[in-house]
Amino acid sequence: METALSDQPAPPDRVGRRASYGLSLLVALGWYVTVIAAIVVGELSIPERPRPADGCSMPFACMSRAEGLQFMAVVLGVPILGGLLIVSLLMIALVARKVASPIVAGTVCAAASVAVVMAAIAAYGGLR
């Protein structure tokens, strides 16, 4: 007589198992590094635009793509990445207790932290 898969008890090594906090955090950081690398590669693959004829009289008009990317990373990237990391640290502490896989926990927390930070940015923009 065959039994259904749900009738069998869980293997002893999977009962009450939690995802590792550190591994879940590494997965979330891996997602952030992957997205940042994709943005850098995409931005640097765009051909340079010609320099303005007026001799670069406007601010930031003569920046190369790499210089503009570095400028935006400092001005926007550091605060946004800091917010993502803070939200991820808090969310992983909660999610890693409920999920057995650090890959799932880190991915869920990375996606959810992006949603939380973008909502905070939208709310800040709406208040201004």
C-alpha atoms as a PDB file:
ATOM      1  CA  MET A   1       0.000   0.000   0.000  1.00  0.00           C
ATOM      2  CA  GLU A   2       1.396   3.354  -1.014  1.00  0.00           C
ATOM      3  CA  THR A   3       1.100   6.325   1.304  1.00  0.00           C
ATOM      4  CA  ALA A   4       0.766   9.912   0.258  1.00  0.00           C
ATOM      5  CA  LEU A   5       3.818  12.089   0.571  1.00  0.00           C
ATOM      6  CA  SER A   6       2.102  14.254   3.183  1.00  0.00           C
ATOM      7  CA  ASP A   7       1.446  11.202   5.380  1.00  0.00           C
ATOM      8  CA  GLN A   8       5.149  10.619   5.899  1.00  0.00           C
ATOM      9  CA  PRO A   9       6.855  12.434   8.747  1.00  0.00           C
ATOM     10  CA  ALA A  10       9.406  15.077   7.895  1.00  0.00           C
ATOM     11  CA  PRO A  11      13.043  13.963   7.981  1.00  0.00           C
ATOM     12  CA  PRO A  12      14.663  14.729  11.341  1.00  0.00           C
ATOM     13  CA  ASP A  13      17.152  17.171   9.837  1.00  0.00           C
ATOM     14  CA  ARG A  14      14.356  19.440   8.475  1.00  0.00           C
ATOM     15  CA  VAL A  15      12.143  19.614  11.577  1.00  0.00           C
ATOM     16  CA  GLY A  16      12.282  23.056  13.168  1.00  0.00           C
ATOM     17  CA  ARG A  17      15.102  24.174  10.895  1.00  0.00           C
ATOM     18  CA  ARG A  18      15.587  27.901  10.393  1.00  0.00           C
ATOM     19  CA  ALA A  19      17.475  29.810   7.764  1.00  0.00           C
ATOM     20  CA  SER A  20      20.843  31.136   8.819  1.00  0.00           C
ATOM     21  CA  TYR A  21      20.759  34.880   9.454  1.00  0.00           C
ATOM     22  CA  GLY A  22      24.230  35.382   7.984  1.00  0.00           C
ATOM     23  CA  LEU A  23      23.573  33.354   4.845  1.00  0.00           C
ATOM     24  CA  SER A  24      20.253  35.098   4.302  1.00  0.00           C
ATOM     25  CA  LEU A  25      22.001  38.453   4.593  1.00  0.00           C
ATOM     26  CA  LEU A  26      24.645  37.336   2.091  1.00  0.00           C
ATOM     27  CA  VAL A  27      21.916  36.375  -0.379  1.00  0.00           C
ATOM     28  CA  ALA A  28      20.278  39.802  -0.010  1.00  0.00           C
ATOM     29  CA  LEU A  29      23.654  41.522  -0.451  1.00  0.00           C
ATOM     30  CA  GLY A  30      24.267  39.364  -3.518  1.00  0.00           C
ATOM     31  CA  TRP A  31      21.049  40.660  -5.061  1.00  0.00           C
ATOM     32  CA  TYR A  32      22.097  44.253  -4.367  1.00  0.00           C
ATOM     33  CA  VAL A  33      25.539  43.685  -5.917  1.00  0.00           C
ATOM     34  CA  THR A  34      23.936  42.058  -8.965  1.00  0.00           C
ATOM     35  CA  VAL A  35      21.557  44.975  -9.535  1.00  0.00           C
ATOM     36  CA  ILE A  36      24.313  47.554  -9.034  1.00  0.00           C
ATOM     37  CA  ALA A  37      26.590  45.698 -11.466  1.00  0.00           C
ATOM     38  CA  ALA A  38      23.789  45.574 -14.053  1.00  0.00           C
ATOM     39  CA  ILE A  39      23.222  49.325 -13.709  1.00  0.00           C
ATOM     40  CA  VAL A  40      26.933  50.068 -14.078  1.00  0.00           C
ATOM     41  CA  VAL A  41      27.330  47.814 -17.126  1.00  0.00           C
ATOM     42  CA  GLY A  42      24.184  49.201 -18.733  1.00  0.00           C
ATOM     43  CA  GLU A  43      25.179  52.805 -18.122  1.00  0.00           C
ATOM     44  CA  LEU A  44      28.755  52.387 -19.310  1.00  0.00           C
ATOM     45  CA  SER A  45      27.684  50.551 -22.478  1.00  0.00           C
ATOM     46  CA  ILE A  46      25.831  53.622 -23.765  1.00  0.00           C
ATOM     47  CA  PRO A  47      28.025  55.608 -26.176  1.00  0.00           C
ATOM     48  CA  GLU A  48      29.316  58.991 -25.027  1.00  0.00           C
ATOM     49  CA  ARG A  49      27.320  62.000 -26.171  1.00  0.00           C
ATOM     50  CA  PRO A  50      29.159  64.809 -27.948  1.00  0.00           C
ATOM     51  CA  ARG A  51      30.451  67.648 -25.820  1.00  0.00           C
ATOM     52  CA  PRO A  52      28.392  70.857 -25.831  1.00  0.00           C
ATOM     53  CA  ALA A  53      29.518  73.590 -28.195  1.00  0.00           C
ATOM     54  CA  ASP A  54      29.379  76.309 -25.524  1.00  0.00           C
ATOM     55  CA  GLY A  55      32.507  75.008 -23.801  1.00  0.00           C
ATOM     56  CA  CYS A  56      30.900  73.248 -20.837  1.00  0.00           C
ATOM     57  CA  SER A  57      29.472  76.373 -19.240  1.00  0.00           C
ATOM     58  CA  MET A  58      26.599  74.470 -17.607  1.00  0.00           C
ATOM     59  CA  PRO A  59      27.246  72.576 -14.360  1.00  0.00           C
ATOM     60  CA  PHE A  60      27.933  68.852 -14.870  1.00  0.00           C
ATOM     61  CA  ALA A  61      27.683  69.218 -18.662  1.00  0.00           C
ATOM     62  CA  CYS A  62      31.169  67.881 -19.356  1.00  0.00           C
ATOM     63  CA  MET A  63      31.094  64.849 -17.095  1.00  0.00           C
ATOM     64  CA  SER A  64      31.846  61.515 -18.724  1.00  0.00           C
ATOM     65  CA  ARG A  65      29.498  58.580 -18.197  1.00  0.00           C
ATOM     66  CA  ALA A  66      31.817  57.118 -15.553  1.00  0.00           C
ATOM     67  CA  GLU A  67      32.094  60.447 -13.713  1.00  0.00           C
ATOM     68  CA  GLY A  68      28.327  60.913 -13.794  1.00  0.00           C
ATOM     69  CA  LEU A  69      27.846  57.387 -12.478  1.00  0.00           C
ATOM     70  CA  GLN A  70      30.272  58.031  -9.622  1.00  0.00           C
ATOM     71  CA  PHE A  71      28.525  61.295  -8.788  1.00  0.00           C
ATOM     72  CA  MET A  72      25.083  59.658  -8.738  1.00  0.00           C
ATOM     73  CA  ALA A  73      26.415  56.765  -6.642  1.00  0.00           C
ATOM     74  CA  VAL A  74      27.575  59.173  -3.957  1.00  0.00           C
ATOM     75  CA  VAL A  75      24.549  61.467  -4.036  1.00  0.00           C
ATOM     76  CA  LEU A  76      21.766  58.881  -4.450  1.00  0.00           C
ATOM     77  CA  GLY A  77      23.318  55.448  -4.147  1.00  0.00           C
ATOM     78  CA  VAL A  78      24.787  55.633  -0.663  1.00  0.00           C
ATOM     79  CA  PRO A  79      21.590  56.810   1.088  1.00  0.00           C
ATOM     80  CA  ILE A  80      19.375  54.381  -0.820  1.00  0.00           C
ATOM     81  CA  LEU A  81      21.729  51.444  -0.267  1.00  0.00           C
ATOM     82  CA  GLY A  82      21.971  52.351   3.413  1.00  0.00           C
ATOM     83  CA  GLY A  83      18.189  52.300   3.691  1.00  0.00           C
ATOM     84  CA  LEU A  84      18.025  48.970   1.882  1.00  0.00           C
ATOM     85  CA  LEU A  85      20.590  47.444   4.228  1.00  0.00           C
ATOM     86  CA  ILE A  86      18.840  48.682   7.366  1.00  0.00           C
ATOM     87  CA  VAL A  87      15.455  47.380   6.205  1.00  0.00           C
ATOM     88  CA  SER A  88      17.048  44.086   5.111  1.00  0.00           C
ATOM     89  CA  LEU A  89      18.738  43.590   8.485  1.00  0.00           C
ATOM     90  CA  LEU A  90      15.422  44.037  10.270  1.00  0.00           C
ATOM     91  CA  MET A  91      13.394  41.918   7.861  1.00  0.00           C
ATOM     92  CA  ILE A  92      15.877  39.041   7.763  1.00  0.00           C
ATOM     93  CA  ALA A  93      15.709  38.829  11.548  1.00  0.00           C
ATOM     94  CA  LEU A  94      11.973  38.177  11.197  1.00  0.00           C
ATOM     95  CA  VAL A  95      11.851  36.089   8.022  1.00  0.00           C
ATOM     96  CA  ALA A  96      14.792  33.795   8.806  1.00  0.00           C
ATOM     97  CA  ARG A  97      12.849  32.428  11.785  1.00  0.00           C
ATOM     98  CA  LYS A  98       9.958  31.287   9.608  1.00  0.00           C
ATOM     99  CA  VAL A  99      11.716  30.079   6.434  1.00  0.00           C
ATOM    100  CA  ALA A 100      14.067  27.102   6.243  1.00  0.00           C
ATOM    101  CA  SER A 101      15.998  28.220   3.154  1.00  0.00           C
ATOM    102  CA  PRO A 102      18.461  31.126   3.395  1.00  0.00           C
ATOM    103  CA  ILE A 103      18.125  31.652  -0.364  1.00  0.00           C
ATOM    104  CA  VAL A 104      14.380  32.182  -0.105  1.00  0.00           C
ATOM    105  CA  ALA A 105      14.708  34.316   3.039  1.00  0.00           C
ATOM    106  CA  GLY A 106      17.372  36.567   1.504  1.00  0.00           C
ATOM    107  CA  THR A 107      15.530  36.947  -1.797  1.00  0.00           C
ATOM    108  CA  VAL A 108      12.211  37.743  -0.126  1.00  0.00           C
ATOM    109  CA  CYS A 109      13.860  40.280   2.177  1.00  0.00           C
ATOM    110  CA  ALA A 110      15.773  41.944  -0.663  1.00  0.00           C
ATOM    111  CA  ALA A 111      12.601  42.332  -2.732  1.00  0.00           C
ATOM    112  CA  ALA A 112      10.534  43.497   0.216  1.00  0.00           C
ATOM    113  CA  SER A 113      13.176  45.997   1.337  1.00  0.00           C
ATOM    114  CA  VAL A 114      13.237  47.525  -2.152  1.00  0.00           C
ATOM    115  CA  ALA A 115       9.466  47.942  -1.937  1.00  0.00           C
ATOM    116  CA  VAL A 116       9.683  49.515   1.530  1.00  0.00           C
ATOM    117  CA  VAL A 117      12.466  51.944   0.557  1.00  0.00           C
ATOM    118  CA  MET A 118      10.725  52.941  -2.690  1.00  0.00           C
ATOM    119  CA  ALA A 119       7.503  53.546  -0.754  1.00  0.00           C
ATOM    120  CA  ALA A 120       9.432  55.711   1.707  1.00  0.00           C
ATOM    121  CA  ILE A 121      10.977  57.693  -1.167  1.00  0.00           C
ATOM    122  CA  ALA A 122       7.534  58.143  -2.758  1.00  0.00           C
ATOM    123  CA  ALA A 123       6.060  59.244   0.573  1.00  0.00           C
ATOM    124  CA  TYR A 124       8.906  61.713   1.091  1.00  0.00           C
ATOM    125  CA  GLY A 125       8.387  63.072  -2.430  1.00  0.00           C
ATOM    126  CA  GLY A 126       4.653  63.404  -1.780  1.00  0.00           C
ATOM    127  CA  LEU A 127       5.255  65.413   1.410  1.00  0.00           C
ATOM    128  CA  ARG A 128       7.508  67.917  -0.292  1.00  0.00           C
END
